[in-house]
C-alpha cells in the first residue's frame, strides 16, 4: 500500500463514488484495510462514512 500523508483531522476531498467533491476532516484511519472514516452532511444530518484511502486527496 502506498504511503499517504493523511492523518486524523486532515481535511480531504472525496474523489470517487457517490460522495465525489465533498470535503471533510478525517475522523479515523485504518491503515491495515486502507480505509478512512469521514463525517459528512447528508440531508442535514452528520453521517459517518467509511471509504477507501484511494478515493480521497488531502486539501492543501
PDB file of N, CA and C in Angstrom:
ATOM      1  N   UNK A   1       0.842  -1.182   0.000  1.00  0.00           N
ATOM      2  CA  UNK A   1       0.000   0.000   0.000  1.00  0.00           C
ATOM      3  C   UNK A   1       0.889   1.247   0.000  1.00  0.00           C
ATOM      4  N   UNK A   2       0.570   2.239  -0.831  1.00  0.00           N
ATOM      5  CA  UNK A   2       1.397   3.444  -0.884  1.00  0.00           C
ATOM      6  C   UNK A   2       1.282   4.255   0.397  1.00  0.00           C
ATOM      7  N   UNK A   3       2.340   4.962   0.734  1.00  0.00           N
ATOM      8  CA  UNK A   3       2.353   5.836   1.910  1.00  0.00           C
ATOM      9  C   UNK A   3       1.466   7.050   1.634  1.00  0.00           C
ATOM     10  N   UNK A   4       0.634   7.411   2.603  1.00  0.00           N
ATOM     11  CA  UNK A   4      -0.244   8.560   2.450  1.00  0.00           C
ATOM     12  C   UNK A   4       0.058   9.603   3.508  1.00  0.00           C
ATOM     13  N   UNK A   5      -0.132  10.863   3.133  1.00  0.00           N
ATOM     14  CA  UNK A   5       0.142  11.981   4.022  1.00  0.00           C
ATOM     15  C   UNK A   5      -1.172  12.487   4.615  1.00  0.00           C
ATOM     16  N   UNK A   6      -1.937  11.558   5.190  1.00  0.00           N
ATOM     17  CA  UNK A   6      -3.232  11.887   5.773  1.00  0.00           C
ATOM     18  C   UNK A   6      -3.251  11.356   7.198  1.00  0.00           C
ATOM     19  N   UNK A   7      -3.752  12.187   8.111  1.00  0.00           N
ATOM     20  CA  UNK A   7      -3.885  11.756   9.499  1.00  0.00           C
ATOM     21  C   UNK A   7      -5.222  12.272  10.026  1.00  0.00           C
ATOM     22  N   UNK A   8      -5.602  11.843  11.217  1.00  0.00           N
ATOM     23  CA  UNK A   8      -6.858  12.289  11.821  1.00  0.00           C
ATOM     24  C   UNK A   8      -6.840  13.813  11.926  1.00  0.00           C
ATOM     25  N   UNK A   9      -7.925  14.431  11.475  1.00  0.00           N
ATOM     26  CA  UNK A   9      -8.034  15.885  11.488  1.00  0.00           C
ATOM     27  C   UNK A   9      -7.675  16.542  10.167  1.00  0.00           C
ATOM     28  N   UNK A  10      -7.007  15.815   9.271  1.00  0.00           N
ATOM     29  CA  UNK A  10      -6.647  16.346   7.956  1.00  0.00           C
ATOM     30  C   UNK A  10      -7.910  16.563   7.124  1.00  0.00           C
ATOM     31  N   UNK A  11      -8.011  17.710   6.464  1.00  0.00           N
ATOM     32  CA  UNK A  11      -9.133  17.957   5.549  1.00  0.00           C
ATOM     33  C   UNK A  11      -8.857  17.276   4.221  1.00  0.00           C
ATOM     34  N   UNK A  12      -9.853  16.517   3.740  1.00  0.00           N
ATOM     35  CA  UNK A  12      -9.713  15.801   2.472  1.00  0.00           C
ATOM     36  C   UNK A  12     -10.920  16.070   1.584  1.00  0.00           C
ATOM     37  N   UNK A  13     -10.723  15.830   0.287  1.00  0.00           N
ATOM     38  CA  UNK A  13     -11.813  15.902  -0.695  1.00  0.00           C
ATOM     39  C   UNK A  13     -12.000  14.512  -1.260  1.00  0.00           C
ATOM     40  N   UNK A  14     -13.243  14.077  -1.362  1.00  0.00           N
ATOM     41  CA  UNK A  14     -13.553  12.755  -1.902  1.00  0.00           C
ATOM     42  C   UNK A  14     -13.494  12.831  -3.421  1.00  0.00           C
ATOM     43  N   UNK A  15     -12.781  11.886  -4.047  1.00  0.00           N
ATOM     44  CA  UNK A  15     -12.569  11.933  -5.493  1.00  0.00           C
ATOM     45  C   UNK A  15     -13.312  10.840  -6.261  1.00  0.00           C
ATOM     46  N   UNK A  16     -13.991   9.943  -5.565  1.00  0.00           N
ATOM     47  CA  UNK A  16     -14.702   8.876  -6.264  1.00  0.00           C
ATOM     48  C   UNK A  16     -15.928   8.426  -5.507  1.00  0.00           C
ATOM     49  N   UNK A  17     -16.875   7.850  -6.236  1.00  0.00           N
ATOM     50  CA  UNK A  17     -18.084   7.332  -5.610  1.00  0.00           C
ATOM     51  C   UNK A  17     -19.183   8.367  -5.498  1.00  0.00           C
ATOM     52  N   UNK A  18     -20.241   8.030  -4.770  1.00  0.00           N
ATOM     53  CA  UNK A  18     -21.411   8.908  -4.690  1.00  0.00           C
ATOM     54  C   UNK A  18     -21.170  10.208  -3.919  1.00  0.00           C
ATOM     55  N   UNK A  19     -20.084  10.290  -3.168  1.00  0.00           N
ATOM     56  CA  UNK A  19     -19.788  11.492  -2.381  1.00  0.00           C
ATOM     57  C   UNK A  19     -18.704  12.362  -3.019  1.00  0.00           C
ATOM     58  N   UNK A  20     -18.431  12.172  -4.302  1.00  0.00           N
ATOM     59  CA  UNK A  20     -17.398  12.923  -5.011  1.00  0.00           C
ATOM     60  C   UNK A  20     -17.535  14.424  -4.786  1.00  0.00           C
ATOM     61  N   UNK A  21     -16.394  15.067  -4.517  1.00  0.00           N
ATOM     62  CA  UNK A  21     -16.256  16.515  -4.316  1.00  0.00           C
ATOM     63  C   UNK A  21     -16.715  17.021  -2.949  1.00  0.00           C
ATOM     64  N   UNK A  22     -17.145  16.130  -2.067  1.00  0.00           N
ATOM     65  CA  UNK A  22     -17.458  16.545  -0.700  1.00  0.00           C
ATOM     66  C   UNK A  22     -16.146  16.645   0.066  1.00  0.00           C
ATOM     67  N   UNK A  23     -16.016  17.679   0.896  1.00  0.00           N
ATOM     68  CA  UNK A  23     -14.827  17.826   1.735  1.00  0.00           C
ATOM     69  C   UNK A  23     -15.195  17.555   3.183  1.00  0.00           C
ATOM     70  N   UNK A  24     -14.230  17.003   3.919  1.00  0.00           N
ATOM     71  CA  UNK A  24     -14.478  16.631   5.309  1.00  0.00           C
ATOM     72  C   UNK A  24     -13.150  16.396   6.006  1.00  0.00           C
ATOM     73  N   UNK A  25     -13.108  16.624   7.323  1.00  0.00           N
ATOM     74  CA  UNK A  25     -11.921  16.212   8.071  1.00  0.00           C
ATOM     75  C   UNK A  25     -11.966  14.700   8.315  1.00  0.00           C
ATOM     76  N   UNK A  26     -10.801  14.093   8.386  1.00  0.00           N
ATOM     77  CA  UNK A  26     -10.700  12.660   8.668  1.00  0.00           C
ATOM     78  C   UNK A  26     -10.985  12.418  10.144  1.00  0.00           C
ATOM     79  N   UNK A  27     -11.877  11.463  10.425  1.00  0.00           N
ATOM     80  CA  UNK A  27     -12.252  11.113  11.795  1.00  0.00           C
ATOM     81  C   UNK A  27     -11.409   9.942  12.299  1.00  0.00           C
ATOM     82  N   UNK A  28     -11.129   8.971  11.425  1.00  0.00           N
ATOM     83  CA  UNK A  28     -10.339   7.797  11.799  1.00  0.00           C
ATOM     84  C   UNK A  28      -9.693   7.211  10.551  1.00  0.00           C
ATOM     85  N   UNK A  29      -8.575   6.508  10.754  1.00  0.00           N
ATOM     86  CA  UNK A  29      -7.859   5.874   9.645  1.00  0.00           C
ATOM     87  C   UNK A  29      -7.587   4.418  10.002  1.00  0.00           C
ATOM     88  N   UNK A  30      -7.838   3.521   9.046  1.00  0.00           N
ATOM     89  CA  UNK A  30      -7.496   2.107   9.205  1.00  0.00           C
ATOM     90  C   UNK A  30      -6.459   1.794   8.125  1.00  0.00           C
ATOM     91  N   UNK A  31      -5.175   1.874   8.499  1.00  0.00           N
ATOM     92  CA  UNK A  31      -4.098   1.646   7.528  1.00  0.00           C
ATOM     93  C   UNK A  31      -4.062   0.200   7.054  1.00  0.00           C
ATOM     94  N   UNK A  32      -4.484  -0.729   7.893  1.00  0.00           N
ATOM     95  CA  UNK A  32      -4.475  -2.148   7.520  1.00  0.00           C
ATOM     96  C   UNK A  32      -5.443  -2.399   6.373  1.00  0.00           C
ATOM     97  N   UNK A  33      -6.649  -1.851   6.480  1.00  0.00           N
ATOM     98  CA  UNK A  33      -7.664  -2.031   5.436  1.00  0.00           C
ATOM     99  C   UNK A  33      -7.574  -0.977   4.335  1.00  0.00           C
ATOM    100  N   UNK A  34      -6.797   0.098   4.563  1.00  0.00           N
ATOM    101  CA  UNK A  34      -6.681   1.160   3.570  1.00  0.00           C
ATOM    102  C   UNK A  34      -7.947   1.986   3.467  1.00  0.00           C
ATOM    103  N   UNK A  35      -8.574   2.261   4.624  1.00  0.00           N
ATOM    104  CA  UNK A  35      -9.836   2.986   4.666  1.00  0.00           C
ATOM    105  C   UNK A  35      -9.738   4.195   5.590  1.00  0.00           C
ATOM    106  N   UNK A  36     -10.584   5.193   5.333  1.00  0.00           N
ATOM    107  CA  UNK A  36     -10.705   6.346   6.230  1.00  0.00           C
ATOM    108  C   UNK A  36     -12.173   6.525   6.582  1.00  0.00           C
ATOM    109  N   UNK A  37     -12.412   7.086   7.755  1.00  0.00           N
ATOM    110  CA  UNK A  37     -13.765   7.436   8.154  1.00  0.00           C
ATOM    111  C   UNK A  37     -13.873   8.952   8.145  1.00  0.00           C
ATOM    112  N   UNK A  38     -14.954   9.433   7.545  1.00  0.00           N
ATOM    113  CA  UNK A  38     -15.207  10.862   7.431  1.00  0.00           C
ATOM    114  C   UNK A  38     -16.589  11.159   7.991  1.00  0.00           C
ATOM    115  N   UNK A  39     -16.806  12.394   8.418  1.00  0.00           N
ATOM    116  CA  UNK A  39     -18.118  12.839   8.873  1.00  0.00           C
ATOM    117  C   UNK A  39     -18.644  13.803   7.820  1.00  0.00           C
ATOM    118  N   UNK A  40     -19.710  13.391   7.116  1.00  0.00           N
ATOM    119  CA  UNK A  40     -20.265  14.222   6.052  1.00  0.00           C
ATOM    120  C   UNK A  40     -21.708  14.593   6.376  1.00  0.00           C
ATOM    121  N   UNK A  41     -22.173  15.690   5.787  1.00  0.00           N
ATOM    122  CA  UNK A  41     -23.538  16.163   5.995  1.00  0.00           C
ATOM    123  C   UNK A  41     -24.420  15.574   4.904  1.00  0.00           C
ATOM    124  N   UNK A  42     -25.380  14.729   5.294  1.00  0.00           N
ATOM    125  CA  UNK A  42     -26.312  14.133   4.344  1.00  0.00           C
ATOM    126  C   UNK A  42     -27.725  14.517   4.784  1.00  0.00           C
ATOM    127  N   UNK A  43     -28.393  15.316   3.967  1.00  0.00           N
ATOM    128  CA  UNK A  43     -29.751  15.790   4.262  1.00  0.00           C
ATOM    129  C   UNK A  43     -29.838  16.443   5.636  1.00  0.00           C
ATOM    130  N   UNK A  44     -28.814  17.203   6.000  1.00  0.00           N
ATOM    131  CA  UNK A  44     -28.829  17.941   7.249  1.00  0.00           C
ATOM    132  C   UNK A  44     -28.376  17.165   8.472  1.00  0.00           C
ATOM    133  N   UNK A  45     -28.022  15.904   8.295  1.00  0.00           N
ATOM    134  CA  UNK A  45     -27.546  15.089   9.414  1.00  0.00           C
ATOM    135  C   UNK A  45     -26.084  14.725   9.208  1.00  0.00           C
ATOM    136  N   UNK A  46     -25.297  14.821  10.275  1.00  0.00           N
ATOM    137  CA  UNK A  46     -23.899  14.395  10.213  1.00  0.00           C
ATOM    138  C   UNK A  46     -23.880  12.868  10.190  1.00  0.00           C
ATOM    139  N   UNK A  47     -23.256  12.325   9.146  1.00  0.00           N
ATOM    140  CA  UNK A  47     -23.212  10.883   8.960  1.00  0.00           C
ATOM    141  C   UNK A  47     -21.766  10.442   8.784  1.00  0.00           C
ATOM    142  N   UNK A  48     -21.388   9.398   9.504  1.00  0.00           N
ATOM    143  CA  UNK A  48     -20.028   8.861   9.420  1.00  0.00           C
ATOM    144  C   UNK A  48     -19.976   7.869   8.260  1.00  0.00           C
ATOM    145  N   UNK A  49     -19.032   8.084   7.331  1.00  0.00           N
ATOM    146  CA  UNK A  49     -18.879   7.164   6.204  1.00  0.00           C
ATOM    147  C   UNK A  49     -17.468   6.585   6.211  1.00  0.00           C
ATOM    148  N   UNK A  50     -17.340   5.405   5.649  1.00  0.00           N
ATOM    149  CA  UNK A  50     -16.078   4.673   5.582  1.00  0.00           C
ATOM    150  C   UNK A  50     -15.753   4.473   4.103  1.00  0.00           C
ATOM    151  N   UNK A  51     -14.642   5.073   3.637  1.00  0.00           N
ATOM    152  CA  UNK A  51     -14.294   4.943   2.223  1.00  0.00           C
ATOM    153  C   UNK A  51     -12.807   4.614   2.070  1.00  0.00           C
ATOM    154  N   UNK A  52     -12.437   4.212   0.876  1.00  0.00           N
ATOM    155  CA  UNK A  52     -11.063   3.838   0.576  1.00  0.00           C
ATOM    156  C   UNK A  52     -10.141   5.062   0.588  1.00  0.00           C
ATOM    157  N   UNK A  53      -8.929   4.861   1.076  1.00  0.00           N
ATOM    158  CA  UNK A  53      -7.909   5.919   1.039  1.00  0.00           C
ATOM    159  C   UNK A  53      -7.665   6.382  -0.393  1.00  0.00           C
ATOM    160  N   UNK A  54      -7.826   5.487  -1.364  1.00  0.00           N
ATOM    161  CA  UNK A  54      -7.572   5.859  -2.754  1.00  0.00           C
ATOM    162  C   UNK A  54      -8.643   6.801  -3.306  1.00  0.00           C
ATOM    163  N   UNK A  55      -9.748   6.974  -2.574  1.00  0.00           N
ATOM    164  CA  UNK A  55     -10.832   7.853  -3.023  1.00  0.00           C
ATOM    165  C   UNK A  55     -10.808   9.215  -2.344  1.00  0.00           C
ATOM    166  N   UNK A  56      -9.717   9.552  -1.641  1.00  0.00           N
ATOM    167  CA  UNK A  56      -9.603  10.876  -1.021  1.00  0.00           C
ATOM    168  C   UNK A  56      -8.255  11.487  -1.347  1.00  0.00           C
ATOM    169  N   UNK A  57      -8.235  12.824  -1.398  1.00  0.00           N
ATOM    170  CA  UNK A  57      -6.984  13.563  -1.556  1.00  0.00           C
ATOM    171  C   UNK A  57      -6.940  14.646  -0.490  1.00  0.00           C
ATOM    172  N   UNK A  58      -5.749  14.890  -0.008  1.00  0.00           N
ATOM    173  CA  UNK A  58      -5.537  15.926   1.003  1.00  0.00           C
ATOM    174  C   UNK A  58      -5.776  17.299   0.388  1.00  0.00           C
ATOM    175  N   UNK A  59      -6.473  18.162   1.119  1.00  0.00           N
ATOM    176  CA  UNK A  59      -6.674  19.534   0.676  1.00  0.00           C
ATOM    177  C   UNK A  59      -5.480  20.335   1.166  1.00  0.00           C
ATOM    178  N   UNK A  60      -4.808  20.984   0.241  1.00  0.00           N
ATOM    179  CA  UNK A  60      -3.597  21.731   0.596  1.00  0.00           C
ATOM    180  C   UNK A  60      -3.941  23.139   0.995  1.00  0.00           C
TER     181      UNK A  60
END
